[in-house]
């Protein structure tokens, strides 16, 4: 099952959702600000993205700028920070069985759907 980690208030996330809907495939919407992602789930997403936790951070977020910028954290610490502050996670993330993408631009979703 394809999952889209979605924030309805984000324009890029809405574009990704619309693109996925237009493909006509089955998928599940996870509003990750309402349904928190566990550390284990985030690890699985990162594995599919082939990224480290600090590579999926939204550095334009105020919390990042004020509290985290220029500080060093381990991957495990970043996992906790991201699960406790999910607005820091880039979006939308579209995850399939073996692969995931940060769907910016939305056309990257094809890498997961194929």
N, C-alpha and C. Protein backbone atom coordinates (compact mmCIF):
# COMPACT_ATOMS: atom_id res chain seq x y z
N UNK A 1 0.85 -1.19 0.00
CA UNK A 1 0.00 0.00 0.00
C UNK A 1 0.88 1.24 0.00
N UNK A 2 0.60 2.15 -0.89
CA UNK A 2 1.32 3.42 -0.95
C UNK A 2 0.77 4.34 0.14
N UNK A 3 1.67 5.04 0.80
CA UNK A 3 1.28 6.00 1.83
C UNK A 3 1.82 7.38 1.46
N UNK A 4 1.02 8.39 1.72
CA UNK A 4 1.49 9.76 1.57
C UNK A 4 1.43 10.42 2.94
N UNK A 5 2.58 10.87 3.39
CA UNK A 5 2.67 11.61 4.66
C UNK A 5 2.41 13.06 4.29
N UNK A 6 1.27 13.55 4.74
CA UNK A 6 0.66 14.75 4.18
C UNK A 6 0.33 15.77 5.25
N UNK A 7 0.53 17.04 4.88
CA UNK A 7 0.08 18.16 5.70
C UNK A 7 -0.85 18.99 4.82
N UNK A 8 -2.16 18.99 5.10
CA UNK A 8 -3.11 19.69 4.23
C UNK A 8 -2.90 21.20 4.17
N UNK A 9 -2.15 21.76 5.10
CA UNK A 9 -1.91 23.21 5.10
C UNK A 9 -0.73 23.59 4.19
N UNK A 10 -0.03 22.60 3.67
CA UNK A 10 1.16 22.84 2.85
C UNK A 10 0.82 22.73 1.36
N UNK A 11 1.14 23.75 0.60
CA UNK A 11 0.84 23.77 -0.84
C UNK A 11 1.52 22.61 -1.56
N UNK A 12 2.80 22.37 -1.27
CA UNK A 12 3.53 21.29 -1.95
C UNK A 12 2.94 19.93 -1.61
N UNK A 13 2.49 19.78 -0.37
CA UNK A 13 1.87 18.53 0.05
C UNK A 13 0.53 18.33 -0.67
N UNK A 14 -0.24 19.40 -0.78
CA UNK A 14 -1.53 19.31 -1.51
C UNK A 14 -1.30 18.96 -2.98
N UNK A 15 -0.25 19.53 -3.57
CA UNK A 15 0.07 19.22 -4.97
C UNK A 15 0.43 17.74 -5.12
N UNK A 16 1.20 17.21 -4.17
CA UNK A 16 1.57 15.80 -4.21
C UNK A 16 0.35 14.90 -4.07
N UNK A 17 -0.55 15.26 -3.16
CA UNK A 17 -1.78 14.48 -2.97
C UNK A 17 -2.62 14.49 -4.24
N UNK A 18 -2.78 15.64 -4.84
CA UNK A 18 -3.57 15.75 -6.07
C UNK A 18 -2.95 14.90 -7.19
N UNK A 19 -1.64 14.95 -7.30
CA UNK A 19 -0.95 14.18 -8.32
C UNK A 19 -1.21 12.68 -8.11
N UNK A 20 -1.10 12.25 -6.87
CA UNK A 20 -1.33 10.84 -6.53
C UNK A 20 -2.78 10.45 -6.83
N UNK A 21 -3.73 11.31 -6.50
CA UNK A 21 -5.14 11.04 -6.80
C UNK A 21 -5.36 10.90 -8.30
N UNK A 22 -4.70 11.75 -9.09
CA UNK A 22 -4.85 11.71 -10.54
C UNK A 22 -4.25 10.46 -11.17
N UNK A 23 -3.32 9.81 -10.47
CA UNK A 23 -2.74 8.57 -10.99
C UNK A 23 -3.72 7.40 -10.87
N UNK A 24 -4.72 7.53 -10.00
CA UNK A 24 -5.74 6.51 -9.87
C UNK A 24 -5.26 5.24 -9.17
N UNK A 25 -4.27 5.37 -8.28
CA UNK A 25 -3.78 4.21 -7.54
C UNK A 25 -4.34 4.24 -6.12
N UNK A 26 -4.36 3.08 -5.47
CA UNK A 26 -4.79 3.02 -4.08
C UNK A 26 -3.68 3.56 -3.19
N UNK A 27 -4.06 4.38 -2.23
CA UNK A 27 -3.07 4.91 -1.29
C UNK A 27 -3.76 5.31 0.00
N UNK A 28 -2.94 5.49 1.01
CA UNK A 28 -3.45 5.91 2.32
C UNK A 28 -2.83 7.26 2.65
N UNK A 29 -3.67 8.18 3.11
CA UNK A 29 -3.20 9.49 3.54
C UNK A 29 -2.91 9.45 5.04
N UNK A 30 -1.71 9.85 5.40
CA UNK A 30 -1.35 9.95 6.80
C UNK A 30 -1.04 11.41 7.10
N UNK A 31 -1.92 12.04 7.86
CA UNK A 31 -1.68 13.42 8.28
C UNK A 31 -0.76 13.35 9.49
N UNK A 32 0.52 13.38 9.23
CA UNK A 32 1.51 13.07 10.26
C UNK A 32 1.60 14.11 11.37
N UNK A 33 0.96 15.25 11.20
CA UNK A 33 0.89 16.21 12.31
C UNK A 33 -0.20 15.80 13.30
N UNK A 34 -1.20 15.04 12.81
CA UNK A 34 -2.28 14.54 13.68
C UNK A 34 -2.02 13.11 14.14
N UNK A 35 -1.42 12.31 13.27
CA UNK A 35 -1.11 10.91 13.57
C UNK A 35 0.41 10.79 13.67
N UNK A 36 0.97 10.96 14.85
CA UNK A 36 2.43 10.99 14.97
C UNK A 36 3.11 9.75 14.40
N UNK A 37 4.28 9.98 13.84
CA UNK A 37 5.10 8.90 13.29
C UNK A 37 6.01 8.41 14.42
N UNK A 38 6.09 7.10 14.58
CA UNK A 38 6.97 6.53 15.59
C UNK A 38 8.42 6.56 15.09
N UNK A 39 9.35 6.39 16.02
CA UNK A 39 10.77 6.34 15.65
C UNK A 39 11.00 5.18 14.67
N UNK A 40 10.41 4.02 14.94
CA UNK A 40 10.59 2.87 14.05
C UNK A 40 10.02 3.12 12.66
N UNK A 41 8.87 3.76 12.61
CA UNK A 41 8.27 4.08 11.31
C UNK A 41 9.14 5.08 10.56
N UNK A 42 9.67 6.06 11.27
CA UNK A 42 10.54 7.04 10.63
C UNK A 42 11.82 6.38 10.12
N UNK A 43 12.36 5.44 10.88
CA UNK A 43 13.54 4.69 10.42
C UNK A 43 13.25 3.96 9.11
N UNK A 44 12.07 3.35 9.04
CA UNK A 44 11.68 2.62 7.83
C UNK A 44 11.53 3.58 6.64
N UNK A 45 10.93 4.73 6.87
CA UNK A 45 10.78 5.74 5.82
C UNK A 45 12.16 6.20 5.34
N UNK A 46 13.05 6.48 6.27
CA UNK A 46 14.40 6.93 5.92
C UNK A 46 15.15 5.88 5.12
N UNK A 47 14.98 4.63 5.49
CA UNK A 47 15.62 3.53 4.75
C UNK A 47 15.13 3.53 3.30
N UNK A 48 13.81 3.69 3.12
CA UNK A 48 13.24 3.72 1.78
C UNK A 48 13.66 4.97 0.99
N UNK A 49 13.86 6.07 1.71
CA UNK A 49 14.33 7.31 1.08
C UNK A 49 15.82 7.26 0.77
N UNK A 50 16.53 6.37 1.47
CA UNK A 50 18.00 6.30 1.43
C UNK A 50 18.59 7.63 1.90
N UNK A 51 18.07 8.09 3.04
CA UNK A 51 18.53 9.35 3.62
C UNK A 51 18.74 9.19 5.12
N UNK A 52 19.54 10.10 5.66
CA UNK A 52 19.75 10.19 7.10
C UNK A 52 18.73 11.19 7.66
N UNK A 53 18.45 11.13 8.95
CA UNK A 53 17.43 12.02 9.53
C UNK A 53 17.68 13.51 9.25
N UNK A 54 18.94 13.94 9.33
CA UNK A 54 19.21 15.37 9.14
C UNK A 54 19.05 15.81 7.68
N UNK A 55 18.82 14.87 6.77
CA UNK A 55 18.65 15.21 5.36
C UNK A 55 17.19 15.47 4.99
N UNK A 56 16.27 15.27 5.92
CA UNK A 56 14.85 15.49 5.60
C UNK A 56 14.27 16.63 6.45
N UNK A 57 15.13 17.46 6.98
CA UNK A 57 14.69 18.54 7.87
C UNK A 57 14.30 19.78 7.07
N UNK A 58 13.20 20.36 7.46
CA UNK A 58 12.76 21.65 6.90
C UNK A 58 13.50 22.76 7.66
N UNK A 59 14.58 23.23 7.09
CA UNK A 59 15.43 24.19 7.77
C UNK A 59 14.83 25.60 7.84
N UNK A 60 13.75 25.83 7.13
CA UNK A 60 13.10 27.14 7.18
C UNK A 60 12.13 27.27 8.36
N UNK A 61 11.89 26.17 9.07
CA UNK A 61 10.99 26.21 10.23
C UNK A 61 11.62 27.03 11.36
N UNK A 62 10.78 27.83 12.02
CA UNK A 62 11.27 28.68 13.12
C UNK A 62 11.92 27.87 14.24
N UNK A 63 11.31 26.74 14.58
CA UNK A 63 11.86 25.92 15.65
C UNK A 63 13.29 25.47 15.31
N UNK A 64 13.49 25.08 14.06
CA UNK A 64 14.84 24.68 13.63
C UNK A 64 15.80 25.87 13.76
N UNK A 65 15.39 27.01 13.23
CA UNK A 65 16.27 28.19 13.25
C UNK A 65 16.63 28.61 14.66
N UNK A 66 15.66 28.57 15.56
CA UNK A 66 15.88 29.07 16.93
C UNK A 66 16.56 28.06 17.85
N UNK A 67 16.21 26.77 17.68
CA UNK A 67 16.65 25.77 18.66
C UNK A 67 17.69 24.77 18.16
N UNK A 68 17.76 24.54 16.85
CA UNK A 68 18.55 23.41 16.37
C UNK A 68 19.71 23.79 15.43
N UNK A 69 19.57 24.89 14.75
CA UNK A 69 20.56 25.28 13.74
C UNK A 69 21.95 25.36 14.37
N UNK A 70 22.92 24.83 13.63
CA UNK A 70 24.34 24.84 14.03
C UNK A 70 24.64 23.97 15.25
N UNK A 71 23.71 23.12 15.64
CA UNK A 71 23.96 22.17 16.73
C UNK A 71 24.18 20.79 16.13
N UNK A 72 24.93 19.98 16.83
CA UNK A 72 25.23 18.63 16.36
C UNK A 72 24.40 17.61 17.14
N UNK A 73 23.79 16.70 16.40
CA UNK A 73 23.00 15.63 17.00
C UNK A 73 23.34 14.33 16.30
N UNK A 74 23.23 13.23 17.02
CA UNK A 74 23.39 11.91 16.41
C UNK A 74 22.13 11.60 15.60
N UNK A 75 22.20 10.56 14.77
CA UNK A 75 21.01 10.14 14.02
C UNK A 75 19.88 9.77 14.97
N UNK A 76 20.21 9.08 16.06
CA UNK A 76 19.18 8.69 17.03
C UNK A 76 18.53 9.92 17.67
N UNK A 77 19.32 10.91 17.99
CA UNK A 77 18.77 12.15 18.56
C UNK A 77 17.88 12.86 17.55
N UNK A 78 18.31 12.89 16.28
CA UNK A 78 17.47 13.51 15.24
C UNK A 78 16.14 12.77 15.10
N UNK A 79 16.18 11.45 15.19
CA UNK A 79 14.93 10.68 15.08
C UNK A 79 13.94 11.11 16.16
N UNK A 80 14.43 11.27 17.36
CA UNK A 80 13.55 11.70 18.46
C UNK A 80 13.06 13.12 18.22
N UNK A 81 13.96 14.01 17.82
CA UNK A 81 13.58 15.40 17.55
C UNK A 81 12.49 15.45 16.48
N UNK A 82 12.66 14.68 15.41
CA UNK A 82 11.70 14.70 14.30
C UNK A 82 10.36 14.10 14.69
N UNK A 83 10.37 13.04 15.50
CA UNK A 83 9.08 12.46 15.90
C UNK A 83 8.36 13.35 16.89
N UNK A 84 9.10 14.11 17.70
CA UNK A 84 8.47 15.03 18.65
C UNK A 84 8.09 16.36 18.00
N UNK A 85 8.68 16.67 16.85
CA UNK A 85 8.42 17.92 16.13
C UNK A 85 8.20 17.60 14.65
N UNK A 86 7.10 16.92 14.31
CA UNK A 86 6.92 16.44 12.94
C UNK A 86 6.83 17.55 11.89
N UNK A 87 6.56 18.77 12.29
CA UNK A 87 6.54 19.85 11.29
C UNK A 87 7.91 20.10 10.69
N UNK A 88 8.95 19.54 11.30
CA UNK A 88 10.31 19.67 10.77
C UNK A 88 10.58 18.73 9.60
N UNK A 89 9.70 17.76 9.37
CA UNK A 89 9.90 16.77 8.32
C UNK A 89 9.44 17.34 6.98
N UNK A 90 10.31 17.21 5.96
CA UNK A 90 9.94 17.65 4.63
C UNK A 90 8.71 16.89 4.16
N UNK A 91 7.94 17.51 3.29
CA UNK A 91 6.70 16.92 2.83
C UNK A 91 6.42 17.31 1.38
N UNK A 92 5.58 16.52 0.75
CA UNK A 92 5.03 15.25 1.20
C UNK A 92 6.03 14.12 0.97
N UNK A 93 5.97 13.12 1.80
CA UNK A 93 6.73 11.90 1.56
C UNK A 93 5.74 10.86 1.08
N UNK A 94 6.07 10.23 -0.04
CA UNK A 94 5.25 9.16 -0.59
C UNK A 94 6.07 7.88 -0.50
N UNK A 95 5.54 6.90 0.20
CA UNK A 95 6.27 5.66 0.45
C UNK A 95 5.51 4.46 -0.11
N UNK A 96 6.24 3.63 -0.81
CA UNK A 96 5.72 2.36 -1.30
C UNK A 96 6.32 1.23 -0.48
N UNK A 97 6.25 0.04 -1.04
CA UNK A 97 6.74 -1.13 -0.32
C UNK A 97 8.26 -1.09 -0.13
N UNK A 98 8.99 -0.64 -1.16
CA UNK A 98 10.45 -0.69 -1.11
C UNK A 98 11.13 0.67 -1.24
N UNK A 99 10.40 1.67 -1.68
CA UNK A 99 11.01 2.96 -1.99
C UNK A 99 10.10 4.09 -1.52
N UNK A 100 10.73 5.23 -1.24
CA UNK A 100 9.98 6.44 -0.88
C UNK A 100 10.67 7.64 -1.52
N UNK A 101 9.89 8.70 -1.70
CA UNK A 101 10.44 9.95 -2.24
C UNK A 101 9.83 11.12 -1.48
N UNK A 102 10.58 12.19 -1.42
CA UNK A 102 10.02 13.48 -1.01
C UNK A 102 9.51 14.08 -2.31
N UNK A 103 8.22 14.15 -2.44
CA UNK A 103 7.57 14.43 -3.73
C UNK A 103 7.59 15.92 -4.09
N UNK A 104 8.78 16.43 -4.23
CA UNK A 104 8.97 17.81 -4.70
C UNK A 104 9.96 17.75 -5.86
N UNK A 105 9.52 17.80 -7.09
CA UNK A 105 8.17 18.01 -7.59
C UNK A 105 7.32 16.73 -7.50
N UNK A 106 6.01 16.88 -7.64
CA UNK A 106 5.11 15.73 -7.50
C UNK A 106 5.40 14.58 -8.46
N UNK A 107 6.01 14.88 -9.60
CA UNK A 107 6.29 13.83 -10.59
C UNK A 107 7.22 12.75 -10.04
N UNK A 108 7.95 13.06 -8.97
CA UNK A 108 8.83 12.06 -8.36
C UNK A 108 8.04 10.87 -7.83
N UNK A 109 6.74 11.07 -7.61
CA UNK A 109 5.88 9.99 -7.11
C UNK A 109 5.91 8.80 -8.06
N UNK A 110 6.13 9.03 -9.34
CA UNK A 110 6.18 7.94 -10.31
C UNK A 110 7.27 6.93 -9.96
N UNK A 111 8.33 7.36 -9.29
CA UNK A 111 9.40 6.44 -8.89
C UNK A 111 8.91 5.41 -7.88
N UNK A 112 7.87 5.76 -7.13
CA UNK A 112 7.31 4.87 -6.12
C UNK A 112 6.19 4.02 -6.70
N UNK A 113 5.39 4.60 -7.57
CA UNK A 113 4.19 3.95 -8.10
C UNK A 113 4.53 2.88 -9.13
N UNK A 114 5.60 3.05 -9.89
CA UNK A 114 5.95 2.09 -10.95
C UNK A 114 6.31 0.74 -10.39
